[in-house]
Amino acid sequence: MAMTMNGEAVLPAPRETVWAKLNDPEVLKACIPGCQSLDMASPTEFAAVAKVKVGPVSATFKGRVQLLDLDPPNGYRIQGEGEGGVAGFAKGGAKVRLEDVPEGTKLVYDVEAQIGGKLAQLGGRLINGVAKKMADEFFGNFAKAVNPENAGV
């Protein structure tokens, strides 16, 4: 099952700060819902483990994430895939763009993902709802992490 999602978030920090946080595995680990580990394999590749619950299906996904088409501090493309055992698999990518705005930095994202296995059998409405909730949670956490008043996050 394929799905797409896009959106944007205005973050209260300069573009260079947002760029640095987008490339910091500790910040990303703290912001990604269900993330148990996020380890840098190289400057552009991460190994990740995340626990995800979608309706009645709960699974731990293990996978790799690559950063491609880097254009600091303007954006990049993220490509990843993960296996969740009997729950299925997920793979996809996102284009992330950063733009200066009076309030700080606007982050714009376009996501394309594909899922299979038991997760895909749950139906598009449930999957899309959970994906949107996770994206909102990530960007809420990320906004707190880049806020200069919360520099310790």
C-alpha atoms as a PDB file:
ATOM      1  CA  MET A   1       0.000   0.000   0.000  1.00  0.00           C
ATOM      2  CA  ALA A   2       1.423   3.378  -0.991  1.00  0.00           C
ATOM      3  CA  MET A   3       0.751   6.681   0.706  1.00  0.00           C
ATOM      4  CA  THR A   4       1.823  10.284   0.418  1.00  0.00           C
ATOM      5  CA  MET A   5       1.812  13.065   2.947  1.00  0.00           C
ATOM      6  CA  ASN A   6       3.057  16.619   2.940  1.00  0.00           C
ATOM      7  CA  GLY A   7       3.079  19.543   5.259  1.00  0.00           C
ATOM      8  CA  GLU A   8       5.080  22.284   6.822  1.00  0.00           C
ATOM      9  CA  ALA A   9       6.067  23.593  10.217  1.00  0.00           C
ATOM     10  CA  VAL A  10       7.373  27.007  11.225  1.00  0.00           C
ATOM     11  CA  LEU A  11      10.219  26.640  13.705  1.00  0.00           C
ATOM     12  CA  PRO A  12      11.380  29.463  16.020  1.00  0.00           C
ATOM     13  CA  ALA A  13      15.070  29.265  15.101  1.00  0.00           C
ATOM     14  CA  PRO A  14      17.483  30.310  12.330  1.00  0.00           C
ATOM     15  CA  ARG A  15      17.863  27.978   9.350  1.00  0.00           C
ATOM     16  CA  GLU A  16      21.434  26.977  10.322  1.00  0.00           C
ATOM     17  CA  THR A  17      20.204  25.842  13.760  1.00  0.00           C
ATOM     18  CA  VAL A  18      17.333  23.844  12.251  1.00  0.00           C
ATOM     19  CA  TRP A  19      19.739  22.251   9.745  1.00  0.00           C
ATOM     20  CA  ALA A  20      22.156  21.244  12.525  1.00  0.00           C
ATOM     21  CA  LYS A  21      19.334  19.693  14.581  1.00  0.00           C
ATOM     22  CA  LEU A  22      17.993  17.809  11.521  1.00  0.00           C
ATOM     23  CA  ASN A  23      21.401  16.139  11.276  1.00  0.00           C
ATOM     24  CA  ASP A  24      21.873  15.413  14.999  1.00  0.00           C
ATOM     25  CA  PRO A  25      21.021  11.780  15.840  1.00  0.00           C
ATOM     26  CA  GLU A  26      20.363  12.562  19.524  1.00  0.00           C
ATOM     27  CA  VAL A  27      17.840  15.283  18.648  1.00  0.00           C
ATOM     28  CA  LEU A  28      16.141  13.086  16.043  1.00  0.00           C
ATOM     29  CA  LYS A  29      15.983  10.113  18.429  1.00  0.00           C
ATOM     30  CA  ALA A  30      14.295  12.302  21.060  1.00  0.00           C
ATOM     31  CA  CYS A  31      11.784  13.646  18.511  1.00  0.00           C
ATOM     32  CA  ILE A  32      10.788  10.492  16.585  1.00  0.00           C
ATOM     33  CA  PRO A  33       7.780   8.818  18.247  1.00  0.00           C
ATOM     34  CA  GLY A  34       8.663   5.306  19.453  1.00  0.00           C
ATOM     35  CA  CYS A  35      12.348   5.614  18.524  1.00  0.00           C
ATOM     36  CA  GLN A  36      14.431   3.288  20.686  1.00  0.00           C
ATOM     37  CA  SER A  37      17.783   3.854  19.008  1.00  0.00           C
ATOM     38  CA  LEU A  38      19.235   5.938  16.204  1.00  0.00           C
ATOM     39  CA  ASP A  39      22.909   5.347  15.571  1.00  0.00           C
ATOM     40  CA  MET A  40      25.089   7.059  13.004  1.00  0.00           C
ATOM     41  CA  ALA A  41      26.674   4.517  10.654  1.00  0.00           C
ATOM     42  CA  SER A  42      28.258   7.319   8.596  1.00  0.00           C
ATOM     43  CA  PRO A  43      27.680  11.090   8.277  1.00  0.00           C
ATOM     44  CA  THR A  44      24.763  10.348   5.934  1.00  0.00           C
ATOM     45  CA  GLU A  45      23.448   6.989   7.192  1.00  0.00           C
ATOM     46  CA  PHE A  46      21.671   5.923  10.375  1.00  0.00           C
ATOM     47  CA  ALA A  47      20.590   2.577  11.825  1.00  0.00           C
ATOM     48  CA  ALA A  48      17.243   2.910  13.583  1.00  0.00           C
ATOM     49  CA  VAL A  49      14.941   0.895  15.827  1.00  0.00           C
ATOM     50  CA  ALA A  50      11.424   2.167  16.504  1.00  0.00           C
ATOM     51  CA  LYS A  51       8.404   0.634  18.197  1.00  0.00           C
ATOM     52  CA  VAL A  52       5.175   1.470  16.384  1.00  0.00           C
ATOM     53  CA  LYS A  53       1.536   0.685  17.177  1.00  0.00           C
ATOM     54  CA  VAL A  54      -1.074   0.984  14.443  1.00  0.00           C
ATOM     55  CA  GLY A  55      -4.521  -0.100  15.582  1.00  0.00           C
ATOM     56  CA  PRO A  56      -4.215  -3.692  16.830  1.00  0.00           C
ATOM     57  CA  VAL A  57      -0.758  -4.219  15.314  1.00  0.00           C
ATOM     58  CA  SER A  58       2.320  -3.399  17.365  1.00  0.00           C
ATOM     59  CA  ALA A  59       5.813  -4.004  16.036  1.00  0.00           C
ATOM     60  CA  THR A  60       9.427  -3.070  16.449  1.00  0.00           C
ATOM     61  CA  PHE A  61      10.916  -1.905  13.166  1.00  0.00           C
ATOM     62  CA  LYS A  62      14.624  -2.133  12.467  1.00  0.00           C
ATOM     63  CA  GLY A  63      15.999  -0.316   9.485  1.00  0.00           C
ATOM     64  CA  ARG A  64      18.363   2.069   7.810  1.00  0.00           C
ATOM     65  CA  VAL A  65      17.950   5.710   6.889  1.00  0.00           C
ATOM     66  CA  GLN A  66      20.097   7.554   4.349  1.00  0.00           C
ATOM     67  CA  LEU A  67      20.425  11.286   3.756  1.00  0.00           C
ATOM     68  CA  LEU A  68      20.766  12.087   0.049  1.00  0.00           C
ATOM     69  CA  ASP A  69      21.003  15.187  -2.153  1.00  0.00           C
ATOM     70  CA  LEU A  70      22.366  17.244   0.741  1.00  0.00           C
ATOM     71  CA  ASP A  71      22.134  20.998   0.201  1.00  0.00           C
ATOM     72  CA  PRO A  72      23.151  22.580   3.536  1.00  0.00           C
ATOM     73  CA  PRO A  73      21.382  24.486   5.053  1.00  0.00           C
ATOM     74  CA  ASN A  74      18.513  24.323   2.539  1.00  0.00           C
ATOM     75  CA  GLY A  75      17.384  20.701   2.634  1.00  0.00           C
ATOM     76  CA  TYR A  76      17.894  17.082   1.711  1.00  0.00           C
ATOM     77  CA  ARG A  77      16.170  13.868   0.748  1.00  0.00           C
ATOM     78  CA  ILE A  78      15.694  11.082   3.301  1.00  0.00           C
ATOM     79  CA  GLN A  79      15.420   7.491   2.095  1.00  0.00           C
ATOM     80  CA  GLY A  80      14.741   4.584   4.436  1.00  0.00           C
ATOM     81  CA  GLU A  81      13.346   1.137   4.917  1.00  0.00           C
ATOM     82  CA  GLY A  82      12.533  -1.019   7.901  1.00  0.00           C
ATOM     83  CA  GLU A  83      11.389  -4.533   8.731  1.00  0.00           C
ATOM     84  CA  GLY A  84       8.821  -5.194  11.420  1.00  0.00           C
ATOM     85  CA  GLY A  85       8.725  -9.004  11.332  1.00  0.00           C
ATOM     86  CA  VAL A  86       5.227 -10.413  10.846  1.00  0.00           C
ATOM     87  CA  ALA A  87       3.772  -6.878  11.032  1.00  0.00           C
ATOM     88  CA  GLY A  88       5.356  -6.136   7.670  1.00  0.00           C
ATOM     89  CA  PHE A  89       7.723  -3.619   6.190  1.00  0.00           C
ATOM     90  CA  ALA A  90       7.878   0.077   5.521  1.00  0.00           C
ATOM     91  CA  LYS A  91      10.010   1.944   3.015  1.00  0.00           C
ATOM     92  CA  GLY A  92       9.964   5.357   1.525  1.00  0.00           C
ATOM     93  CA  GLY A  93      11.475   8.769   1.460  1.00  0.00           C
ATOM     94  CA  ALA A  94      10.908  12.430   2.095  1.00  0.00           C
ATOM     95  CA  LYS A  95      12.107  15.672   0.594  1.00  0.00           C
ATOM     96  CA  VAL A  96      12.799  18.286   3.259  1.00  0.00           C
ATOM     97  CA  ARG A  97      13.222  21.995   2.423  1.00  0.00           C
ATOM     98  CA  LEU A  98      14.110  24.825   4.773  1.00  0.00           C
ATOM     99  CA  GLU A  99      13.110  28.435   4.058  1.00  0.00           C
ATOM    100  CA  ASP A 100      13.697  31.649   5.996  1.00  0.00           C
ATOM    101  CA  VAL A 101      10.521  33.273   7.348  1.00  0.00           C
ATOM    102  CA  PRO A 102      10.098  36.199   9.777  1.00  0.00           C
ATOM    103  CA  GLU A 103       9.274  33.790  12.642  1.00  0.00           C
ATOM    104  CA  GLY A 104      12.434  31.697  12.041  1.00  0.00           C
ATOM    105  CA  THR A 105      12.524  28.796   9.583  1.00  0.00           C
ATOM    106  CA  LYS A 106       9.784  27.069   7.624  1.00  0.00           C
ATOM    107  CA  LEU A 107      10.347  23.327   7.176  1.00  0.00           C
ATOM    108  CA  VAL A 108       8.423  21.872   4.218  1.00  0.00           C
ATOM    109  CA  TYR A 109       8.194  18.102   3.703  1.00  0.00           C
ATOM    110  CA  ASP A 110       6.837  15.736   1.049  1.00  0.00           C
ATOM    111  CA  VAL A 111       6.701  12.075   2.028  1.00  0.00           C
ATOM    112  CA  GLU A 112       6.146   8.983  -0.095  1.00  0.00           C
ATOM    113  CA  ALA A 113       5.933   5.660   1.700  1.00  0.00           C
ATOM    114  CA  GLN A 114       5.035   2.082   0.988  1.00  0.00           C
ATOM    115  CA  ILE A 115       3.981  -0.489   3.552  1.00  0.00           C
ATOM    116  CA  GLY A 116       3.281  -4.203   3.300  1.00  0.00           C
ATOM    117  CA  GLY A 117       2.298  -7.144   5.469  1.00  0.00           C
ATOM    118  CA  LYS A 118      -0.259  -6.993   8.279  1.00  0.00           C
ATOM    119  CA  LEU A 119       0.046  -3.209   8.479  1.00  0.00           C
ATOM    120  CA  ALA A 120      -1.137  -2.799   4.905  1.00  0.00           C
ATOM    121  CA  GLN A 121      -4.217  -4.890   5.673  1.00  0.00           C
ATOM    122  CA  LEU A 122      -5.432  -2.383   8.282  1.00  0.00           C
ATOM    123  CA  GLY A 123      -6.656   0.042   5.656  1.00  0.00           C
ATOM    124  CA  GLY A 124      -5.619   3.405   4.328  1.00  0.00           C
ATOM    125  CA  ARG A 125      -7.702   5.577   6.641  1.00  0.00           C
ATOM    126  CA  LEU A 126      -6.190   4.086   9.817  1.00  0.00           C
ATOM    127  CA  ILE A 127      -2.644   4.090   8.410  1.00  0.00           C
ATOM    128  CA  ASN A 128      -2.901   7.693   7.189  1.00  0.00           C
ATOM    129  CA  GLY A 129      -4.363   8.824  10.517  1.00  0.00           C
ATOM    130  CA  VAL A 130      -1.523   7.238  12.489  1.00  0.00           C
ATOM    131  CA  ALA A 131       1.093   8.599  10.058  1.00  0.00           C
ATOM    132  CA  LYS A 132      -0.334  12.128  10.398  1.00  0.00           C
ATOM    133  CA  LYS A 133      -0.405  11.829  14.205  1.00  0.00           C
ATOM    134  CA  MET A 134       3.229  10.652  14.248  1.00  0.00           C
ATOM    135  CA  ALA A 135       4.299  13.483  11.919  1.00  0.00           C
ATOM    136  CA  ASP A 136       2.508  16.052  14.109  1.00  0.00           C
ATOM    137  CA  GLU A 137       4.147  14.591  17.221  1.00  0.00           C
ATOM    138  CA  PHE A 138       7.585  14.623  15.578  1.00  0.00           C
ATOM    139  CA  PHE A 139       7.287  18.265  14.496  1.00  0.00           C
ATOM    140  CA  GLY A 140       5.910  19.306  17.891  1.00  0.00           C
ATOM    141  CA  ASN A 141       8.917  17.653  19.564  1.00  0.00           C
ATOM    142  CA  PHE A 142      11.296  19.059  16.960  1.00  0.00           C
ATOM    143  CA  ALA A 143       9.960  22.616  17.419  1.00  0.00           C
ATOM    144  CA  LYS A 144      10.735  22.322  21.147  1.00  0.00           C
ATOM    145  CA  ALA A 145      14.231  20.991  20.364  1.00  0.00           C
ATOM    146  CA  VAL A 146      15.150  23.882  18.053  1.00  0.00           C
ATOM    147  CA  ASN A 147      13.706  26.623  20.240  1.00  0.00           C
ATOM    148  CA  PRO A 148      16.736  28.587  21.527  1.00  0.00           C
ATOM    149  CA  GLU A 149      15.047  28.877  24.944  1.00  0.00           C
ATOM    150  CA  ASN A 150      15.170  25.066  25.191  1.00  0.00           C
ATOM    151  CA  ALA A 151      18.770  24.699  23.972  1.00  0.00           C
ATOM    152  CA  GLY A 152      19.404  21.816  26.396  1.00  0.00           C
ATOM    153  CA  VAL A 153      16.934  19.540  24.572  1.00  0.00           C
END
